[in-house]
Amino acid sequence: MFRARTVLGSIVSTVAVVLLAAPAAVGAHADQVIVLPGASSTEGIARGAGSTFYATDLFAGDIFRGDLRTGAVARFIDNPPGRVAVGLKADLAHGLLFVAGGPTGQAYVYALDTGAPVATYQLTTGPAFINDVAVTRTGAWFTNSNAAELYFVPATRTSTGPVQTLALTGPAADTSGQFNSNGIAATADGTRLLVAHSGQGAVNIVDPVTGASRKVAGVDAANVDGILLEGRTLWAVQNFSNQISQFQLSGDLSSGSLTKVVRSDAFQVPTTVARFGDRLAVVNAKFDTGLPPTASEYEVVVVDR
C-alpha cells in the first residue's frame, strides 16, 4: 500500500531513489495494460467475483470497477472531496467492499454490488495512515503505517462493527521508519496475519489475538508494499524496485524462500497485487513522478505469475 505520513506534506520526503524497471519477463501471455479512465492517482487493487477487479483513485477517494477479461473499466464510486482511498479488499461472502482511508484515520465500507455507502469508521484519532486491509471470514483487518496498531471491523451479512484495536508487540510494533506496517494478508482460517513492514523490508507474522509478532525468516523484500497470501505462497510487491517477489513459506509461516521475481517494462511503481488464475494484476502508482503524482494516466498492469 501507499507509503506516506501525510498526503501532501511530509510524504514528499519519502522518495529518495527511483529504480528503473528491469526488462519484461517472457511468459505465456503478453503483458496487458488497462487504463483507469480519468484517474488522478491510484494505489489499491482487489479481486471481485470472476474477472472483476476494483481499484482506488488514491487522492480523489474514488473506486473504479473493471473486467480483466474484457478490459472494460469505469468509475464505480464517486466520492465527495476529502476522502482518501488507499488499499481495498472485496468481501464476497458478505457483499462488502472495505477501503483504507490513509491520513484520515478512517475506514470505509461499501455495498459490493451497488457501491452504496454502508459505514464509515474512525479507526483512530492518533497518528494515522490507514494503509491496507485484509478480509477474513469474520471481518476486515486494517494496518496503520504510523502506529503500532491493527484494527478489526467485524462483519456479518447484516451488519459491521464495532471496531476493535489490537496493540502490536515485537518487530511489527517498530514505528522508527518513515513507513512501518503496510500491506496485510490473512491465512484462510484467519488465525494468523502477515504484515509487510516497509521500513524493515520484511514481513512479520502477527497473532490476531495477542498482537505478538515475529519476522518471517528468509522473506527479504526492500520497498515492500502490498502483499498477497494464498496457501503457502506469498507475493510481495516492491514498489520502487518495480517487481513482485514470490516466496514459498513453511507450514507454520515462520520462514520462506524466494522462488520467483516478476518484472515488466510496464511497471511504474506498482503498489498492490491481486491474482486472477495464472495472472497477477497490479496498479501503477507512479510515485516517481512526484507526490502527489503528476502522470497523465494510471493503469492496471496484468502479467503472468
Protein backbone atom coordinates (compact mmCIF):
# COMPACT_ATOMS: atom_id res chain seq x y z
CA MET A 1 0.00 0.00 0.00
CA PHE A 2 0.87 3.62 -0.15
CA ARG A 3 3.84 4.69 1.94
CA ALA A 4 3.05 8.13 3.32
CA ARG A 5 2.85 10.04 6.59
CA THR A 6 0.69 12.79 5.10
CA VAL A 7 -0.85 13.17 1.70
CA LEU A 8 0.69 16.44 0.59
CA GLY A 9 3.28 17.33 3.21
CA SER A 10 5.96 15.07 4.63
CA ILE A 11 5.06 12.41 2.06
CA VAL A 12 7.41 14.18 -0.36
CA SER A 13 10.43 13.30 1.77
CA THR A 14 9.90 9.59 1.29
CA VAL A 15 11.14 9.49 -2.29
CA ALA A 16 14.90 9.15 -2.34
CA VAL A 17 15.84 6.94 -5.27
CA VAL A 18 13.81 5.75 -8.24
CA LEU A 19 14.85 2.35 -9.54
CA LEU A 20 14.32 1.67 -13.22
CA ALA A 21 12.18 -1.27 -14.26
CA ALA A 22 14.02 -4.37 -15.41
CA PRO A 23 13.29 -5.96 -18.79
CA ALA A 24 9.97 -7.74 -19.05
CA ALA A 25 9.95 -11.45 -18.32
CA VAL A 26 8.96 -13.84 -21.07
CA GLY A 27 5.64 -15.53 -20.30
CA ALA A 28 2.75 -17.33 -21.94
CA HIS A 29 0.80 -14.08 -22.36
CA ALA A 30 1.77 -10.57 -23.37
CA ASP A 31 1.57 -8.04 -20.55
CA GLN A 32 -1.82 -6.30 -20.54
CA VAL A 33 -2.28 -2.62 -19.65
CA ILE A 34 -5.74 -1.31 -18.68
CA VAL A 35 -6.08 2.46 -18.27
CA LEU A 36 -8.22 3.77 -15.40
CA PRO A 37 -10.20 6.47 -17.24
CA GLY A 38 -9.95 9.88 -15.61
CA ALA A 39 -7.98 8.66 -12.58
CA SER A 40 -5.92 11.30 -10.78
CA SER A 41 -3.85 8.63 -8.97
CA THR A 42 -4.12 5.03 -7.86
CA GLU A 43 -2.84 2.70 -5.13
CA GLY A 44 -5.04 -0.29 -4.33
CA ILE A 45 -6.39 -3.19 -6.36
CA ALA A 46 -8.64 -6.06 -5.27
CA ARG A 47 -10.25 -9.04 -6.94
CA GLY A 48 -14.02 -9.33 -7.02
CA ALA A 49 -16.19 -12.11 -8.42
CA GLY A 50 -14.91 -13.81 -11.57
CA SER A 51 -12.75 -11.44 -13.62
CA THR A 52 -13.99 -8.30 -11.81
CA PHE A 53 -11.43 -6.01 -10.22
CA TYR A 54 -11.66 -2.88 -8.07
CA ALA A 55 -9.02 -0.13 -7.95
CA THR A 56 -8.69 3.06 -5.93
CA ASP A 57 -8.17 6.65 -7.00
CA LEU A 58 -5.89 7.46 -4.10
CA PHE A 59 -6.21 11.23 -3.76
CA ALA A 60 -9.79 11.54 -5.06
CA GLY A 61 -11.04 8.76 -2.77
CA ASP A 62 -12.97 7.15 -5.64
CA ILE A 63 -13.22 3.49 -6.65
CA PHE A 64 -13.05 2.02 -10.16
CA ARG A 65 -14.59 -1.29 -11.19
CA GLY A 66 -13.43 -3.21 -14.24
CA ASP A 67 -13.32 -6.56 -16.01
CA LEU A 68 -9.91 -8.09 -16.51
CA ARG A 69 -11.17 -10.31 -19.32
CA THR A 70 -12.70 -7.56 -21.48
CA GLY A 71 -10.58 -4.63 -20.30
CA ALA A 72 -13.71 -2.55 -19.64
CA VAL A 73 -13.44 -0.25 -16.63
CA ALA A 74 -15.36 2.74 -15.24
CA ARG A 75 -15.59 4.84 -12.11
CA PHE A 76 -17.80 2.86 -9.73
CA ILE A 77 -17.90 5.03 -6.58
CA ASP A 78 -17.58 8.81 -6.98
CA ASN A 79 -16.92 10.25 -3.53
CA PRO A 80 -17.08 13.90 -2.42
CA PRO A 81 -13.78 15.72 -1.79
CA GLY A 82 -11.98 14.90 1.43
CA ARG A 83 -11.82 11.13 1.20
CA VAL A 84 -8.64 9.18 0.52
CA ALA A 85 -8.68 5.61 -0.83
CA VAL A 86 -5.54 3.55 -0.28
CA GLY A 87 -5.78 -0.26 -0.06
CA LEU A 88 -9.05 -2.14 -0.51
CA LYS A 89 -10.44 -5.67 -0.41
CA ALA A 90 -13.68 -7.23 -1.58
CA ASP A 91 -15.56 -9.40 0.92
CA LEU A 92 -17.55 -11.66 -1.39
CA ALA A 93 -19.13 -13.64 1.45
CA HIS A 94 -20.73 -10.56 2.98
CA GLY A 95 -21.13 -8.48 -0.18
CA LEU A 96 -18.92 -5.67 1.13
CA LEU A 97 -16.01 -3.57 -0.10
CA PHE A 98 -13.56 -2.38 2.59
CA VAL A 99 -11.34 0.64 1.85
CA ALA A 100 -8.44 2.09 3.88
CA GLY A 101 -8.64 5.87 4.40
CA GLY A 102 -4.98 6.87 4.78
CA PRO A 103 -4.29 10.02 6.87
CA THR A 104 -7.98 10.47 7.74
CA GLY A 105 -7.64 7.59 10.22
CA GLN A 106 -10.82 6.19 8.73
CA ALA A 107 -12.07 3.03 7.04
CA TYR A 108 -14.95 2.95 4.57
CA VAL A 109 -17.40 0.15 3.81
CA TYR A 110 -19.49 -0.01 0.64
CA ALA A 111 -22.02 -2.42 -0.82
CA LEU A 112 -20.13 -4.55 -3.32
CA ASP A 113 -22.94 -4.72 -5.87
CA THR A 114 -24.14 -1.11 -5.92
CA GLY A 115 -21.30 0.91 -4.38
CA ALA A 116 -23.72 2.41 -1.85
CA PRO A 117 -22.06 3.54 1.40
CA VAL A 118 -22.59 1.15 4.31
CA ALA A 119 -20.44 2.58 7.11
CA THR A 120 -17.57 4.91 7.95
CA TYR A 121 -15.29 4.09 10.88
CA GLN A 122 -12.89 6.41 12.68
CA LEU A 123 -10.31 3.75 13.48
CA THR A 124 -8.07 6.13 15.40
CA THR A 125 -7.68 9.80 16.24
CA GLY A 126 -3.95 9.39 16.84
CA PRO A 127 -1.09 9.27 14.32
CA ALA A 128 -2.55 7.60 11.28
CA PHE A 129 -2.01 6.39 7.81
CA ILE A 130 -4.57 3.60 7.36
CA ASN A 131 -2.83 1.77 4.58
CA ASP A 132 -4.16 -1.66 3.70
CA VAL A 133 -6.87 -4.17 4.52
CA ALA A 134 -7.24 -7.95 4.69
CA VAL A 135 -10.57 -9.77 4.75
CA THR A 136 -11.26 -12.86 6.86
CA ARG A 137 -14.40 -14.95 7.38
CA THR A 138 -15.48 -12.70 10.23
CA GLY A 139 -14.42 -9.21 9.17
CA ALA A 140 -11.59 -6.98 7.97
CA TRP A 141 -8.17 -6.04 9.40
CA PHE A 142 -6.56 -2.64 8.70
CA THR A 143 -2.93 -1.53 9.08
CA ASN A 144 -1.69 1.83 10.34
CA SER A 145 1.71 2.84 8.95
CA ASN A 146 2.16 5.45 11.69
CA ALA A 147 1.22 3.50 14.83
CA ALA A 148 1.87 0.05 16.34
CA GLU A 149 -1.77 -0.98 15.97
CA LEU A 150 -4.08 -3.03 13.79
CA TYR A 151 -7.85 -2.51 13.64
CA PHE A 152 -10.56 -5.11 13.13
CA VAL A 153 -14.06 -4.40 11.83
CA PRO A 154 -16.35 -7.41 12.37
CA ALA A 155 -18.75 -8.22 9.54
CA THR A 156 -21.86 -10.32 9.14
CA ARG A 157 -24.45 -10.48 6.39
CA THR A 158 -26.49 -7.81 8.16
CA SER A 159 -24.05 -5.52 9.98
CA THR A 160 -20.47 -4.36 10.61
CA GLY A 161 -18.56 -3.10 13.66
CA PRO A 162 -17.78 -2.06 16.34
CA VAL A 163 -14.05 -1.51 15.79
CA GLN A 164 -11.52 -3.47 17.84
CA THR A 165 -7.94 -2.18 18.27
CA LEU A 166 -5.02 -4.61 18.54
CA ALA A 167 -1.77 -3.32 20.04
CA LEU A 168 1.30 -4.86 18.40
CA THR A 169 4.45 -6.14 20.09
CA GLY A 170 7.67 -7.49 18.63
CA PRO A 171 9.08 -6.39 15.25
CA ALA A 172 5.68 -5.40 13.85
CA ALA A 173 5.47 -2.72 16.57
CA ASP A 174 8.52 -0.89 15.19
CA THR A 175 7.50 2.65 14.17
CA SER A 176 11.01 4.05 13.76
CA GLY A 177 10.87 4.12 9.97
CA GLN A 178 9.29 6.66 7.69
CA PHE A 179 6.85 3.87 6.88
CA ASN A 180 6.13 0.87 9.01
CA SER A 181 3.24 -1.63 8.80
CA ASN A 182 1.92 -1.58 5.26
CA GLY A 183 0.40 -4.49 3.30
CA ILE A 184 -1.55 -7.16 5.17
CA ALA A 185 -2.82 -10.66 4.43
CA ALA A 186 -4.59 -13.33 6.48
CA THR A 187 -4.49 -17.11 6.46
CA ALA A 188 -7.64 -18.80 5.18
CA ASP A 189 -8.83 -19.57 8.72
CA GLY A 190 -7.98 -16.08 9.99
CA THR A 191 -5.78 -17.35 12.83
CA ARG A 192 -2.60 -15.66 11.61
CA LEU A 193 -1.84 -12.37 9.90
CA LEU A 194 1.11 -11.44 7.71
CA VAL A 195 2.03 -7.75 7.80
CA ALA A 196 4.58 -6.17 5.47
CA HIS A 197 6.91 -3.66 7.12
CA SER A 198 8.26 -1.12 4.64
CA GLY A 199 10.96 0.27 6.91
CA GLN A 200 12.36 -3.19 7.62
CA GLY A 201 11.96 -4.54 4.09
CA ALA A 202 10.42 -7.55 5.78
CA VAL A 203 7.17 -9.38 6.51
CA ASN A 204 6.08 -10.15 10.07
CA ILE A 205 3.64 -12.80 11.26
CA VAL A 206 1.15 -11.45 13.82
CA ASP A 207 -1.09 -13.25 16.29
CA PRO A 208 -4.54 -11.60 15.84
CA VAL A 209 -5.46 -12.31 19.46
CA THR A 210 -2.37 -11.11 21.35
CA GLY A 211 -0.68 -8.80 18.83
CA ALA A 212 2.65 -10.62 19.30
CA SER A 213 4.79 -10.76 16.17
CA ARG A 214 7.96 -12.21 14.72
CA LYS A 215 9.79 -11.80 11.44
CA VAL A 216 9.22 -14.35 8.70
CA ALA A 217 12.79 -15.55 8.19
CA GLY A 218 14.08 -15.53 4.62
CA VAL A 219 11.46 -13.11 3.32
CA ASP A 220 13.58 -10.08 2.50
CA ALA A 221 11.91 -7.52 0.24
CA ALA A 222 13.22 -3.97 0.01
CA ASN A 223 10.49 -1.41 -0.78
CA VAL A 224 7.82 -3.93 0.20
CA ASP A 225 4.30 -2.58 -0.20
CA GLY A 226 1.19 -4.71 -0.76
CA ILE A 227 1.25 -8.47 -0.19
CA LEU A 228 -0.94 -11.41 -1.19
CA LEU A 229 -1.06 -14.79 0.57
CA GLU A 230 -2.63 -17.92 -0.91
CA GLY A 231 -1.91 -21.14 0.92
CA ARG A 232 1.85 -21.10 1.45
CA THR A 233 2.60 -18.82 -1.49
CA LEU A 234 3.32 -15.18 -0.72
CA TRP A 235 3.61 -12.42 -3.31
CA ALA A 236 5.27 -9.17 -2.18
CA VAL A 237 5.05 -6.03 -4.33
CA GLN A 238 8.27 -3.99 -4.17
CA ASN A 239 7.14 -0.60 -5.40
CA PHE A 240 10.26 1.42 -6.25
CA SER A 241 12.06 -1.82 -7.16
CA ASN A 242 9.41 -2.30 -9.88
CA GLN A 243 8.94 -6.00 -9.21
CA ILE A 244 6.86 -8.66 -7.48
CA SER A 245 8.72 -11.31 -5.47
CA GLN A 246 7.17 -14.73 -4.91
CA PHE A 247 8.07 -16.69 -1.77
CA GLN A 248 7.26 -20.23 -0.67
CA LEU A 249 6.54 -20.30 3.05
CA SER A 250 6.99 -23.07 5.56
CA GLY A 251 3.96 -24.82 7.04
CA ASP A 252 3.97 -22.65 10.16
CA LEU A 253 4.74 -19.47 8.14
CA SER A 254 7.87 -18.87 10.21
CA SER A 255 10.21 -18.89 7.21
CA GLY A 256 10.21 -18.64 3.45
CA SER A 257 12.38 -18.80 0.37
CA LEU A 258 12.36 -16.74 -2.81
CA THR A 259 11.05 -18.76 -5.76
CA LYS A 260 10.46 -16.16 -8.47
CA VAL A 261 10.72 -12.48 -9.34
CA VAL A 262 8.18 -10.99 -11.76
CA ARG A 263 9.14 -7.87 -13.70
CA SER A 264 7.64 -5.92 -16.55
CA ASP A 265 8.58 -2.93 -18.68
CA ALA A 266 5.04 -1.71 -17.98
CA PHE A 267 5.60 -1.45 -14.21
CA GLN A 268 5.89 2.12 -12.92
CA VAL A 269 6.00 1.89 -9.13
CA PRO A 270 3.39 -0.86 -8.64
CA THR A 271 1.93 -0.93 -5.16
CA THR A 272 -0.61 -3.74 -4.67
CA VAL A 273 -1.48 -7.02 -6.34
CA ALA A 274 -4.43 -9.35 -6.98
CA ARG A 275 -4.35 -12.81 -8.58
CA PHE A 276 -6.62 -13.97 -11.40
CA GLY A 277 -5.76 -17.58 -12.20
CA ASP A 278 -2.29 -17.67 -13.73
CA ARG A 279 -2.06 -13.89 -13.95
CA LEU A 280 -1.22 -11.13 -11.47
CA ALA A 281 -2.74 -7.65 -11.66
CA VAL A 282 -1.08 -4.59 -10.11
CA VAL A 283 -1.75 -0.85 -10.20
CA ASN A 284 0.91 1.66 -11.26
CA ALA A 285 1.01 4.36 -8.57
CA LYS A 286 3.70 6.33 -10.45
CA PHE A 287 5.10 7.93 -7.28
CA ASP A 288 8.28 8.51 -9.26
CA THR A 289 6.53 11.45 -10.98
CA GLY A 290 6.12 13.31 -7.69
CA LEU A 291 3.93 13.27 -4.60
CA PRO A 292 1.16 13.70 -5.33
CA PRO A 293 1.98 12.00 -8.66
CA THR A 294 1.64 14.05 -11.84
CA ALA A 295 1.25 11.38 -14.52
CA SER A 296 -1.36 11.91 -17.23
CA GLU A 297 -2.86 8.44 -16.75
CA TYR A 298 -2.81 5.50 -14.35
CA GLU A 299 -3.14 1.83 -15.19
CA VAL A 300 -3.70 -1.73 -14.11
CA VAL A 301 -0.91 -3.96 -15.42
CA VAL A 302 -1.57 -7.69 -15.84
CA VAL A 303 1.36 -10.13 -16.08
CA ASP A 304 1.96 -13.86 -15.88
CA ARG A 305 2.70 -15.06 -12.37
